[in-house]
Amino acid sequence: MSPAIVRACALTLVALAVPGLAACSGASDGPVPITTPVTDAAVPRAEAGASASGLAGTVKDKAGEPVGGAKIEVGSASVFSDTQGKYSLPLAAAGAVTLKITRNWFKPFEEMVTVASDRITTRDLTIEEIPLKLDPADVALAESYNKTFDWTKQTVSISIVQRPTRRDFDNAVFFRNPALYRDTSKEPALSPSPLPEIAAGTAKNFSFELKSGKNMGQEALDLGSVVDAIKDTPLAPGEVAGFMMWTPLLTWIGEWDAAKAADLRAVGVAVRQQNWGGNVARPQEIERVFIDGRGALWAEVVFARFVQLGAGITDSDGDGRKEIFARIADVHYSSEVVDRLSKEYGKTVFTTHGLSREVSKSLNELYSSTAAKVERMVGQPIEIAGVGTINYPFVALVHSGMQRNVILVAP
């Protein structure tokens, strides 16, 4: 990655992860009531020559989680809370002052505070998130738009996240995202010899061998399980709806255990690097992952359109690309990985603040590949040319190619 892209990504992530850098102009129900009382604790100031008066404390959300990046202002003096939510604001004079707090994803707040003379007044603050919600008009617009949405041609996607989990948010961002579409129409046809095929229920001429890592030489997939369509797998309809996107799934596992993520990353590399004797990059790749009733991971391998395939391999979901489904070989992951994916990645429900922090984590890889920026945050309306106005998005992203993702999140 070039230094310019790295710098751009870093700036974008800072703006997202430390949202106090820009006050939220979204919906508000007025000043947030702060119930924690002001205390008279006197904290001597150690810095030589520093003001003897000021405010200090911790900023938290209503669940008691620290809030970093909140901007605390008194007149022309201001400071941001750190990653632990702590702040310290020296003031030139004591007495009654107006305290203001602004932080993206939260309602704005202000109140009068009496600052003691010759000591630091401790003031812990609890601020309220702007709530998650689905506006019925937004849902109707999204559902109408998505009836004819074509991710290979249109530049705007509108996704509805029915549950505020990390998995469901990642799926909304990565599944058929126009910014991630790769136009391969000018690539010359690639004809493996012999052609991979599925005949009489048996897959033939497939191999996705790992070329590095501790499992080098082993197949990435259980080739005996390869089928043409998801209906031919043991995946139940409910589990199909609970799919996971491969790229953000790896990011999430890496945050927990880098070694376990490395084992699975090697699987994806093995699939991508099978170029069937040609020189073209990424003739196929893992797109989605599923967990069956026995706790096995199944991968959907999607082929680029220029790859010629034999009988029995079709475009079973109508997205214009042929795909196969197969179990990931057991050696590449443990039951602990499956357990965490099932119980944490797919089921932990977040409020606005918690989900905003997950946004920062989940978009790392997307930022590096598309230079995405946050265009709107929760409750800030966005006008989409030729489509209409979304009144209450959770977040709207714009990419370097001017593609947009608008994401609605239910509470």
Protein backbone atom coordinates (compact mmCIF):
# COMPACT_ATOMS: atom_id res chain seq x y z
CA MET A 1 0.00 0.00 0.00
CA SER A 2 1.32 3.45 -0.89
CA PRO A 3 2.18 5.98 1.88
CA ALA A 4 -0.57 8.27 0.57
CA ILE A 5 -3.22 5.59 0.95
CA VAL A 6 -1.95 4.67 4.40
CA ARG A 7 -2.18 8.30 5.49
CA ALA A 8 -5.68 8.63 4.03
CA CYS A 9 -6.83 5.46 5.77
CA ALA A 10 -5.36 6.55 9.08
CA LEU A 11 -7.08 9.94 8.94
CA THR A 12 -10.40 8.34 8.08
CA LEU A 13 -10.14 5.83 10.90
CA VAL A 14 -9.17 8.53 13.40
CA ALA A 15 -12.26 10.53 12.40
CA LEU A 16 -14.40 7.47 12.94
CA ALA A 17 -12.76 6.04 16.06
CA VAL A 18 -12.42 9.45 17.75
CA PRO A 19 -15.70 10.99 16.71
CA GLY A 20 -15.46 13.96 19.03
CA LEU A 21 -13.38 15.57 16.28
CA ALA A 22 -16.63 16.65 14.67
CA ALA A 23 -19.84 17.36 16.56
CA CYS A 24 -22.86 15.32 15.51
CA SER A 25 -25.54 17.39 13.87
CA GLY A 26 -28.06 14.57 13.90
CA ALA A 27 -31.36 14.14 15.68
CA SER A 28 -31.58 15.20 19.29
CA ASP A 29 -34.22 15.22 21.99
CA GLY A 30 -32.57 18.15 23.71
CA PRO A 31 -29.97 18.28 26.49
CA VAL A 32 -29.16 14.95 28.05
CA PRO A 33 -29.96 14.73 31.77
CA ILE A 34 -26.81 13.97 33.72
CA THR A 35 -27.64 12.33 37.02
CA THR A 36 -24.13 11.94 38.50
CA PRO A 37 -23.72 14.72 41.08
CA VAL A 38 -20.83 17.16 41.09
CA THR A 39 -18.43 16.32 43.92
CA ASP A 40 -16.26 18.62 45.99
CA ALA A 41 -13.17 16.41 45.76
CA ALA A 42 -10.09 18.58 45.90
CA VAL A 43 -7.28 17.28 43.67
CA PRO A 44 -4.02 19.26 44.02
CA ARG A 45 -2.56 20.24 40.65
CA ALA A 46 1.06 19.11 40.32
CA GLU A 47 2.02 20.93 37.13
CA ALA A 48 4.11 24.02 37.87
CA GLY A 49 2.43 27.22 36.81
CA ALA A 50 -0.83 25.51 35.90
CA SER A 51 -4.22 27.00 36.67
CA ALA A 52 -5.46 26.09 40.15
CA SER A 53 -9.07 25.63 38.96
CA GLY A 54 -10.58 23.22 36.49
CA LEU A 55 -12.74 20.19 35.80
CA ALA A 56 -11.73 16.53 35.63
CA GLY A 57 -13.52 13.23 35.47
CA THR A 58 -14.66 10.39 33.24
CA VAL A 59 -17.16 10.37 30.39
CA LYS A 60 -19.28 7.21 30.08
CA ASP A 61 -22.32 6.02 28.19
CA LYS A 62 -25.51 4.91 29.96
CA ALA A 63 -24.23 1.31 30.11
CA GLY A 64 -21.17 2.51 32.03
CA GLU A 65 -18.73 2.08 29.14
CA PRO A 66 -16.03 4.78 28.81
CA VAL A 67 -16.49 7.20 25.92
CA GLY A 68 -13.30 8.33 24.20
CA GLY A 69 -13.20 11.25 21.82
CA ALA A 70 -15.86 13.32 23.58
CA LYS A 71 -15.17 17.04 23.29
CA ILE A 72 -15.61 18.85 26.62
CA GLU A 73 -15.88 22.66 26.30
CA VAL A 74 -16.10 25.55 28.74
CA GLY A 75 -15.97 28.85 26.87
CA SER A 76 -12.86 28.83 24.66
CA ALA A 77 -11.21 26.02 26.64
CA SER A 78 -11.71 22.48 25.39
CA VAL A 79 -10.27 18.98 25.67
CA PHE A 80 -11.08 15.48 24.36
CA SER A 81 -11.63 12.49 26.62
CA ASP A 82 -9.02 9.76 26.19
CA THR A 83 -9.64 6.11 25.31
CA GLN A 84 -10.60 5.43 28.93
CA GLY A 85 -13.08 8.31 28.87
CA LYS A 86 -10.94 10.44 31.21
CA TYR A 87 -10.52 14.18 30.78
CA SER A 88 -8.86 17.09 32.58
CA LEU A 89 -9.73 20.68 31.66
CA PRO A 90 -7.78 23.54 33.31
CA LEU A 91 -9.77 26.77 33.63
CA ALA A 92 -8.57 30.34 34.11
CA ALA A 93 -11.32 31.28 36.55
CA ALA A 94 -13.68 29.65 39.03
CA GLY A 95 -17.43 30.08 39.44
CA ALA A 96 -20.51 29.17 37.42
CA VAL A 97 -19.65 28.03 33.88
CA THR A 98 -21.50 26.39 30.96
CA LEU A 99 -20.19 22.91 30.25
CA LYS A 100 -20.78 21.48 26.76
CA ILE A 101 -20.11 18.01 25.40
CA THR A 102 -20.25 16.95 21.77
CA ARG A 103 -19.48 13.52 20.40
CA ASN A 104 -20.61 11.82 17.22
CA TRP A 105 -23.17 9.05 17.83
CA PHE A 106 -24.33 10.86 21.02
CA LYS A 107 -26.88 13.56 21.78
CA PRO A 108 -25.35 17.00 22.44
CA PHE A 109 -25.32 18.11 26.07
CA GLU A 110 -24.79 21.28 28.09
CA GLU A 111 -25.39 22.39 31.68
CA MET A 112 -24.25 24.89 34.29
CA VAL A 113 -21.49 23.72 36.63
CA THR A 114 -19.94 25.54 39.58
CA VAL A 115 -16.14 25.29 39.49
CA ALA A 116 -14.41 25.60 42.86
CA SER A 117 -11.54 28.01 43.36
CA ASP A 118 -7.99 26.72 43.90
CA ARG A 119 -8.84 23.08 43.31
CA ILE A 120 -10.05 20.68 40.63
CA THR A 121 -13.77 19.96 40.61
CA THR A 122 -14.40 16.31 39.81
CA ARG A 123 -17.25 15.88 37.35
CA ASP A 124 -18.05 12.44 35.98
CA LEU A 125 -20.41 12.58 33.02
CA THR A 126 -22.92 10.15 31.55
CA ILE A 127 -24.00 11.01 28.03
CA GLU A 128 -26.82 9.48 26.01
CA GLU A 129 -26.48 7.87 22.60
CA ILE A 130 -28.62 8.88 19.66
CA PRO A 131 -30.90 5.83 19.45
CA LEU A 132 -30.93 3.26 16.69
CA LYS A 133 -34.21 3.07 14.78
CA LEU A 134 -35.75 2.20 11.44
CA ASP A 135 -37.82 4.97 9.88
CA PRO A 136 -40.80 3.34 8.06
CA ALA A 137 -40.32 5.69 5.11
CA ASP A 138 -36.64 4.68 4.88
CA VAL A 139 -37.56 0.98 4.96
CA ALA A 140 -40.13 1.44 2.21
CA LEU A 141 -37.63 3.34 0.05
CA ALA A 142 -34.92 0.72 0.62
CA GLU A 143 -37.20 -2.21 -0.17
CA SER A 144 -38.45 -0.56 -3.35
CA TYR A 145 -34.91 0.31 -4.47
CA ASN A 146 -33.55 -3.14 -3.75
CA LYS A 147 -36.11 -4.87 -5.97
CA THR A 148 -34.11 -3.75 -9.02
CA PHE A 149 -30.69 -3.22 -7.43
CA ASP A 150 -27.76 -4.51 -9.54
CA TRP A 151 -24.46 -4.27 -7.69
CA THR A 152 -22.45 -4.65 -10.93
CA LYS A 153 -23.94 -1.45 -12.38
CA GLN A 154 -25.42 0.77 -9.69
CA THR A 155 -23.20 2.85 -7.42
CA VAL A 156 -25.44 3.08 -4.33
CA SER A 157 -26.47 0.27 -2.00
CA ILE A 158 -29.07 0.60 0.76
CA SER A 159 -28.91 -2.13 3.40
CA ILE A 160 -31.20 -2.87 6.33
CA VAL A 161 -29.58 -4.46 9.38
CA GLN A 162 -32.34 -6.16 11.37
CA ARG A 163 -30.19 -6.79 14.47
CA PRO A 164 -27.28 -4.58 15.60
CA THR A 165 -24.66 -7.36 15.75
CA ARG A 166 -21.14 -7.21 14.35
CA ARG A 167 -21.90 -10.01 11.88
CA ASP A 168 -25.05 -8.40 10.53
CA PHE A 169 -23.32 -5.04 10.14
CA ASP A 170 -20.34 -6.63 8.37
CA ASN A 171 -22.70 -8.48 6.05
CA ALA A 172 -24.46 -5.23 5.15
CA VAL A 173 -21.17 -3.54 4.27
CA PHE A 174 -19.46 -6.37 2.40
CA PHE A 175 -22.25 -8.31 0.69
CA ARG A 176 -22.58 -7.13 -2.93
CA ASN A 177 -21.04 -3.75 -2.19
CA PRO A 178 -20.70 -1.77 -5.45
CA ALA A 179 -17.34 -0.40 -4.23
CA LEU A 180 -15.99 -3.97 -4.09
CA TYR A 181 -17.23 -5.02 -7.53
CA ARG A 182 -14.40 -6.07 -9.84
CA ASP A 183 -15.16 -5.72 -13.55
CA THR A 184 -13.50 -8.67 -15.26
CA SER A 185 -15.34 -8.41 -18.57
CA LYS A 186 -12.12 -7.66 -20.47
CA GLU A 187 -10.19 -10.59 -19.02
CA PRO A 188 -9.51 -13.34 -21.58
CA ALA A 189 -11.27 -16.63 -20.98
CA LEU A 190 -9.41 -19.00 -18.69
CA SER A 191 -10.02 -22.69 -19.43
CA PRO A 192 -8.66 -25.09 -16.81
CA SER A 193 -7.57 -28.43 -18.22
CA PRO A 194 -9.30 -30.67 -17.38
CA LEU A 195 -12.36 -28.56 -16.57
CA PRO A 196 -13.65 -28.68 -13.00
CA GLU A 197 -17.13 -30.19 -13.01
CA ILE A 198 -19.80 -31.83 -10.89
CA ALA A 199 -21.10 -34.98 -12.54
CA ALA A 200 -23.46 -37.53 -11.01
CA GLY A 201 -23.17 -35.71 -7.70
CA THR A 202 -19.37 -35.97 -7.61
CA ALA A 203 -16.96 -33.04 -7.95
CA LYS A 204 -13.98 -33.63 -10.23
CA ASN A 205 -10.76 -31.79 -11.11
CA PHE A 206 -10.72 -29.43 -8.12
CA SER A 207 -7.67 -28.66 -5.99
CA PHE A 208 -6.99 -25.78 -3.61
CA GLU A 209 -3.75 -26.81 -1.94
CA LEU A 210 -2.07 -24.68 0.73
CA LYS A 211 1.40 -23.61 -0.41
CA SER A 212 2.63 -22.20 2.91
CA GLY A 213 1.99 -22.20 6.64
CA LYS A 214 1.76 -25.00 9.15
CA ASN A 215 -0.79 -26.92 7.06
CA MET A 216 1.18 -26.60 3.82
CA GLY A 217 0.37 -29.32 1.31
CA GLN A 218 -3.15 -29.93 2.64
CA GLU A 219 -6.34 -29.05 0.79
CA ALA A 220 -8.13 -25.90 1.89
CA LEU A 221 -11.52 -27.52 1.32
CA ASP A 222 -12.93 -30.99 1.83
CA LEU A 223 -13.15 -31.79 -1.88
CA GLY A 224 -15.52 -34.67 -1.25
CA SER A 225 -18.13 -32.18 -0.03
CA VAL A 226 -18.14 -29.89 -3.11
CA VAL A 227 -21.66 -29.22 -4.45
CA ASP A 228 -23.17 -26.80 -6.93
CA ALA A 229 -25.82 -25.08 -4.80
CA ILE A 230 -26.52 -24.41 -1.15
CA LYS A 231 -29.67 -26.53 -1.39
CA ASP A 232 -27.37 -29.53 -1.81
CA THR A 233 -25.69 -28.90 1.56
CA PRO A 234 -26.95 -29.75 5.08
CA LEU A 235 -27.40 -26.05 5.84
CA ALA A 236 -30.87 -25.31 7.18
CA PRO A 237 -32.78 -22.24 5.92
CA GLY A 238 -32.23 -20.39 9.20
CA GLU A 239 -28.49 -20.95 9.01
CA VAL A 240 -28.41 -19.79 5.42
CA ALA A 241 -29.88 -16.48 6.57
CA GLY A 242 -27.12 -16.30 9.19
CA PHE A 243 -24.23 -16.25 6.73
CA MET A 244 -20.92 -14.52 7.45
CA MET A 245 -18.79 -12.61 4.96
CA TRP A 246 -15.29 -14.11 4.66
CA THR A 247 -13.15 -10.95 4.76
CA PRO A 248 -14.63 -9.26 7.87
CA LEU A 249 -14.97 -12.64 9.59
CA LEU A 250 -11.19 -13.05 9.36
CA THR A 251 -10.70 -9.54 10.73
CA TRP A 252 -12.94 -10.30 13.70
CA ILE A 253 -11.17 -13.58 14.49
CA GLY A 254 -7.80 -11.81 14.19
CA GLU A 255 -8.84 -9.31 16.87
CA TRP A 256 -9.37 -12.27 19.18
CA ASP A 257 -6.56 -14.65 18.14
CA ALA A 258 -4.11 -13.80 15.34
CA ALA A 259 -2.86 -17.38 15.01
CA LYS A 260 -6.33 -18.81 14.49
CA ALA A 261 -7.07 -16.12 11.93
CA ALA A 262 -3.80 -16.95 10.12
CA ASP A 263 -4.86 -20.59 9.73
CA LEU A 264 -8.09 -19.54 8.07
CA ARG A 265 -6.47 -16.80 5.99
CA ALA A 266 -4.26 -19.49 4.46
CA VAL A 267 -7.44 -21.22 3.28
CA GLY A 268 -8.57 -18.10 1.44
CA VAL A 269 -5.12 -17.61 -0.11
CA ALA A 270 -5.10 -21.23 -1.33
CA VAL A 271 -8.46 -20.73 -3.03
CA ARG A 272 -7.44 -17.43 -4.67
CA GLN A 273 -4.07 -18.72 -5.84
CA GLN A 274 -5.43 -21.66 -7.81
CA ASN A 275 -5.13 -19.96 -11.17
CA TRP A 276 -5.60 -23.13 -13.25
CA GLY A 277 -2.31 -22.61 -15.10
CA GLY A 278 -3.02 -18.99 -16.08
CA ASN A 279 -1.49 -15.74 -14.85
CA VAL A 280 -4.66 -13.92 -13.86
CA ALA A 281 -5.19 -12.95 -10.22
CA ARG A 282 -8.19 -14.07 -8.16
CA PRO A 283 -10.04 -16.31 -10.62
CA GLN A 284 -12.13 -17.34 -7.62
CA GLU A 285 -12.39 -16.49 -3.94
CA ILE A 286 -14.35 -17.32 -0.82
CA GLU A 287 -17.21 -14.88 -0.38
CA ARG A 288 -19.47 -16.24 2.36
CA VAL A 289 -19.20 -18.76 5.19
CA PHE A 290 -21.93 -20.79 6.92
CA ILE A 291 -22.11 -22.99 10.02
CA ASP A 292 -24.05 -26.24 9.69
CA GLY A 293 -25.90 -28.07 12.47
CA ARG A 294 -22.80 -30.13 13.33
CA GLY A 295 -20.58 -27.08 13.81
CA ALA A 296 -18.74 -27.39 10.48
CA LEU A 297 -17.77 -24.32 8.44
CA TRP A 298 -18.94 -24.24 4.83
CA ALA A 299 -17.47 -21.85 2.26
CA GLU A 300 -19.09 -20.37 -0.82
CA VAL A 301 -16.42 -20.11 -3.54
CA VAL A 302 -17.39 -17.62 -6.24
CA PHE A 303 -15.76 -17.76 -9.69
CA ALA A 304 -14.92 -14.77 -11.89
CA ARG A 305 -16.90 -14.73 -15.11
CA PHE A 306 -13.86 -15.38 -17.30
CA VAL A 307 -13.26 -18.81 -15.72
CA GLN A 308 -14.62 -21.61 -17.91
CA LEU A 309 -16.17 -24.45 -15.90
CA GLY A 310 -17.53 -27.84 -16.80
CA ALA A 311 -20.92 -29.45 -16.37
CA GLY A 312 -22.92 -29.18 -13.17
CA ILE A 313 -21.55 -25.82 -11.98
CA THR A 314 -24.13 -23.05 -12.28
CA ASP A 315 -25.02 -19.56 -11.08
CA SER A 316 -27.43 -20.86 -8.46
CA ASP A 317 -28.25 -17.51 -6.83
CA GLY A 318 -28.64 -15.37 -9.97
CA ASP A 319 -25.90 -12.82 -9.26
CA GLY A 320 -24.14 -13.43 -12.59
CA ARG A 321 -21.28 -15.54 -11.17
CA LYS A 322 -21.00 -19.29 -10.81
CA GLU A 323 -20.26 -20.69 -7.38
CA ILE A 324 -19.69 -23.90 -5.47
CA PHE A 325 -20.14 -24.79 -1.81
CA ALA A 326 -17.79 -26.98 0.24
CA ARG A 327 -16.75 -27.63 3.83
CA ILE A 328 -13.54 -25.98 4.96
CA ALA A 329 -11.19 -28.82 5.91
CA ASP A 330 -11.38 -29.50 9.66
CA VAL A 331 -7.62 -29.11 10.19
CA HIS A 332 -7.79 -25.36 9.56
CA TYR A 333 -10.04 -24.37 12.49
CA SER A 334 -11.18 -25.53 15.92
CA SER A 335 -14.54 -25.95 17.64
CA GLU A 336 -13.59 -22.90 19.74
CA VAL A 337 -13.58 -20.75 16.59
CA VAL A 338 -17.04 -21.99 15.62
CA ASP A 339 -18.32 -21.45 19.15
CA ARG A 340 -17.16 -17.84 19.24
CA LEU A 341 -18.53 -17.14 15.77
CA SER A 342 -21.90 -18.54 16.83
CA LYS A 343 -22.18 -16.94 20.26
CA GLU A 344 -20.32 -13.64 19.97
CA TYR A 345 -19.90 -12.56 16.36
CA GLY A 346 -23.47 -13.46 15.46
CA LYS A 347 -25.40 -12.81 18.66
CA THR A 348 -23.85 -9.97 20.71
CA VAL A 349 -26.26 -7.05 20.31
CA PHE A 350 -24.90 -3.50 20.49
CA THR A 351 -26.35 -0.09 21.22
CA THR A 352 -25.31 2.89 19.10
CA HIS A 353 -22.02 3.47 20.94
CA GLY A 354 -21.03 -0.19 20.95
CA LEU A 355 -21.84 -0.60 17.27
CA SER A 356 -19.94 2.57 16.39
CA ARG A 357 -16.81 1.05 17.93
CA GLU A 358 -17.40 -2.16 15.97
CA VAL A 359 -17.71 -0.04 12.81
CA SER A 360 -14.19 1.26 13.36
CA LYS A 361 -12.85 -2.29 13.66
CA SER A 362 -14.83 -3.92 10.88
CA LEU A 363 -14.02 -1.33 8.23
CA ASN A 364 -10.22 -1.50 8.50
CA GLU A 365 -9.81 -3.73 5.47
CA LEU A 366 -12.52 -1.91 3.52
CA TYR A 367 -10.81 1.43 4.13
CA SER A 368 -7.49 0.14 2.84
CA SER A 369 -9.01 -1.12 -0.41
CA THR A 370 -11.53 1.61 -1.26
CA ALA A 371 -10.49 4.67 0.83
CA ALA A 372 -13.97 4.83 2.33
CA LYS A 373 -15.06 7.80 4.39
CA VAL A 374 -18.00 8.33 6.72
CA GLU A 375 -20.39 10.74 5.03
CA ARG A 376 -23.32 10.66 7.46
CA MET A 377 -23.80 9.25 10.96
CA VAL A 378 -26.83 8.13 12.91
CA GLY A 379 -29.83 10.36 12.35
CA GLN A 380 -28.21 12.62 9.74
CA PRO A 381 -30.41 12.59 6.58
CA ILE A 382 -28.79 11.88 3.22
CA GLU A 383 -30.17 12.71 -0.22
CA ILE A 384 -29.48 10.08 -2.88
CA ALA A 385 -29.76 11.45 -6.41
CA GLY A 386 -32.45 9.68 -8.39
CA VAL A 387 -33.55 7.65 -5.36
CA GLY A 388 -34.76 9.93 -2.58
CA THR A 389 -33.91 10.95 0.98
CA ILE A 390 -32.98 8.54 3.74
CA ASN A 391 -34.10 10.29 6.91
CA TYR A 392 -32.42 8.20 9.56
CA PRO A 393 -29.37 6.22 8.43
CA PHE A 394 -27.04 4.59 10.93
CA VAL A 395 -24.08 5.40 8.72
CA ALA A 396 -23.45 6.37 5.09
CA LEU A 397 -20.09 5.60 3.50
CA VAL A 398 -18.61 7.11 0.35
CA HIS A 399 -15.72 5.40 -1.45
CA SER A 400 -12.92 6.67 -3.66
CA GLY A 401 -14.88 5.68 -6.79
CA MET A 402 -17.88 7.65 -5.44
CA GLN A 403 -19.88 4.50 -4.67
CA ARG A 404 -22.04 4.83 -1.57
CA ASN A 405 -23.34 2.46 1.08
CA VAL A 406 -26.28 3.63 3.17
CA ILE A 407 -26.93 1.38 6.16
CA LEU A 408 -30.07 1.36 8.28
CA VAL A 409 -29.96 -0.40 11.66
CA ALA A 410 -32.86 -1.61 13.77
CA PRO A 411 -32.60 -1.28 17.57
